[in-house]
Protein backbone atom coordinates (compact mmCIF):
# COMPACT_ATOMS: atom_id res chain seq x y z
CA MET A 1 -53.40 -22.87 -38.48
CA GLU A 2 -55.60 -19.91 -38.90
CA PHE A 3 -55.23 -16.24 -38.00
CA ILE A 4 -57.16 -13.01 -38.71
CA THR A 5 -55.65 -11.06 -41.57
CA ASN A 6 -57.68 -7.92 -41.22
CA HIS A 7 -60.50 -6.28 -39.19
CA ASN A 8 -63.33 -7.87 -41.17
CA HIS A 9 -62.59 -11.14 -39.45
CA THR A 10 -61.71 -12.97 -42.70
CA TYR A 11 -59.52 -16.04 -41.97
CA ARG A 12 -56.66 -17.28 -43.98
CA HIS A 13 -55.48 -20.83 -43.77
CA LEU A 14 -51.79 -21.61 -43.44
CA THR A 15 -50.33 -24.91 -44.48
CA PRO A 16 -47.19 -26.42 -42.91
CA LEU A 17 -44.04 -26.34 -44.97
CA LEU A 18 -43.72 -29.15 -47.38
CA ASP A 19 -41.29 -31.95 -46.56
CA TYR A 20 -37.83 -31.68 -47.91
CA THR A 21 -37.53 -33.59 -51.17
CA PRO A 22 -33.97 -34.16 -52.38
CA SER A 23 -33.43 -33.15 -55.99
CA THR A 24 -31.21 -34.73 -58.62
CA TYR A 25 -30.75 -31.49 -60.42
CA ILE A 26 -27.12 -30.68 -61.15
CA PRO A 27 -26.51 -27.26 -62.57
CA GLU A 28 -24.06 -26.58 -65.40
CA PRO A 29 -20.57 -25.43 -64.42
CA TYR A 30 -20.21 -21.71 -64.30
CA THR A 31 -18.40 -20.19 -67.21
CA ALA A 32 -17.40 -16.55 -67.00
CA PRO A 33 -18.47 -14.29 -69.87
CA ALA A 34 -15.81 -13.21 -72.21
CA THR A 35 -15.70 -9.63 -71.00
CA ILE A 36 -15.00 -10.87 -67.40
CA SER A 37 -12.22 -13.18 -68.63
CA ALA A 38 -10.74 -10.42 -70.78
CA THR A 39 -10.66 -7.94 -67.95
CA HIS A 40 -9.69 -10.31 -65.13
CA ASN A 41 -6.20 -8.95 -64.51
CA GLN A 42 -6.82 -5.28 -65.39
CA PRO A 43 -7.49 -4.04 -61.84
CA ARG A 44 -4.07 -5.28 -60.80
CA TYR A 45 -2.35 -3.80 -63.90
CA GLY A 46 -0.77 -7.04 -64.93
CA HIS A 47 0.19 -8.03 -61.35
CA THR A 48 -1.06 -11.11 -59.71
CA ASN A 49 -4.43 -11.14 -58.00
CA ASN A 50 -3.97 -14.35 -56.11
CA PHE A 51 -4.13 -13.56 -52.33
CA GLU A 52 -2.40 -16.86 -51.39
CA THR A 53 0.84 -15.45 -52.91
CA LEU A 54 0.91 -12.68 -50.31
CA ILE A 55 1.15 -15.32 -47.54
CA ASP A 56 2.68 -18.40 -49.19
CA GLY A 57 4.52 -16.91 -52.12
CA GLY A 58 8.17 -16.03 -52.45
CA GLU A 59 9.44 -12.60 -52.12
CA ASP A 60 8.95 -11.66 -55.79
CA ALA A 61 5.31 -12.91 -55.75
CA THR A 62 4.60 -10.92 -52.63
CA LYS A 63 6.07 -7.67 -54.09
CA ASP A 64 4.05 -8.34 -57.21
CA TYR A 65 0.82 -8.61 -55.28
CA ILE A 66 1.47 -5.50 -53.13
CA THR A 67 2.52 -3.56 -56.21
CA GLY A 68 -0.85 -4.32 -57.84
CA ILE A 69 -2.69 -3.02 -54.78
CA ILE A 70 -0.60 0.11 -54.50
CA ILE A 71 -1.10 1.04 -58.13
CA GLY A 72 -4.89 0.73 -57.69
CA ALA A 73 -4.81 2.86 -54.50
CA ILE A 74 -2.63 5.66 -56.19
CA ILE A 75 -5.04 5.98 -59.10
CA ILE A 76 -8.12 6.27 -56.76
CA LEU A 77 -6.19 8.81 -54.59
CA SER A 78 -5.18 10.85 -57.59
CA VAL A 79 -8.75 10.99 -58.87
CA ALA A 80 -9.94 12.16 -55.46
CA VAL A 81 -7.30 14.88 -55.22
CA VAL A 82 -8.06 16.21 -58.67
CA TRP A 83 -11.81 16.18 -57.82
CA PHE A 84 -11.09 18.13 -54.57
CA MET A 85 -8.92 20.64 -56.34
CA VAL A 86 -11.68 21.31 -58.94
CA ILE A 87 -14.16 21.88 -56.11
CA VAL A 88 -11.79 24.32 -54.37
CA VAL A 89 -11.06 26.27 -57.59
CA LEU A 90 -14.78 26.61 -58.35
CA LYS A 91 -15.41 27.82 -54.78
CA PHE A 92 -12.77 30.54 -55.09
CA MET A 93 -14.09 31.65 -58.47
CA GLY A 94 -17.41 32.37 -56.88
CA GLU A 95 -21.07 32.02 -57.77
CA LYS A 96 -21.09 35.00 -60.09
CA LYS A 97 -18.58 33.41 -62.52
CA VAL A 98 -19.46 29.71 -62.34
CA GLY A 99 -23.04 29.84 -61.03
CA PHE A 100 -24.36 26.74 -59.11
CA LEU A 101 -20.97 24.91 -59.53
CA ALA A 102 -19.63 27.08 -56.73
């Protein structure tokens, strides 16, 4: 296969893809770093992070999963509200007092 690659009429030769050759390579099993293992449950604040418990689990396991989600959402919402309030206060203070922050 040939085609023109630029206006100087230079040709580039393309070769067909090589045939598939199966490999006997088997990678080592994945091991999570210590920092990942140590912080695995922190986003749920000690509550379960297993999604299956929401569907198949009992009432306590379902409440535990939902509690973990709600706690995370409340923290994100509270940070957003504080950020919004800081912006509003800076706007009310004016550009003369706080400069470019207003």
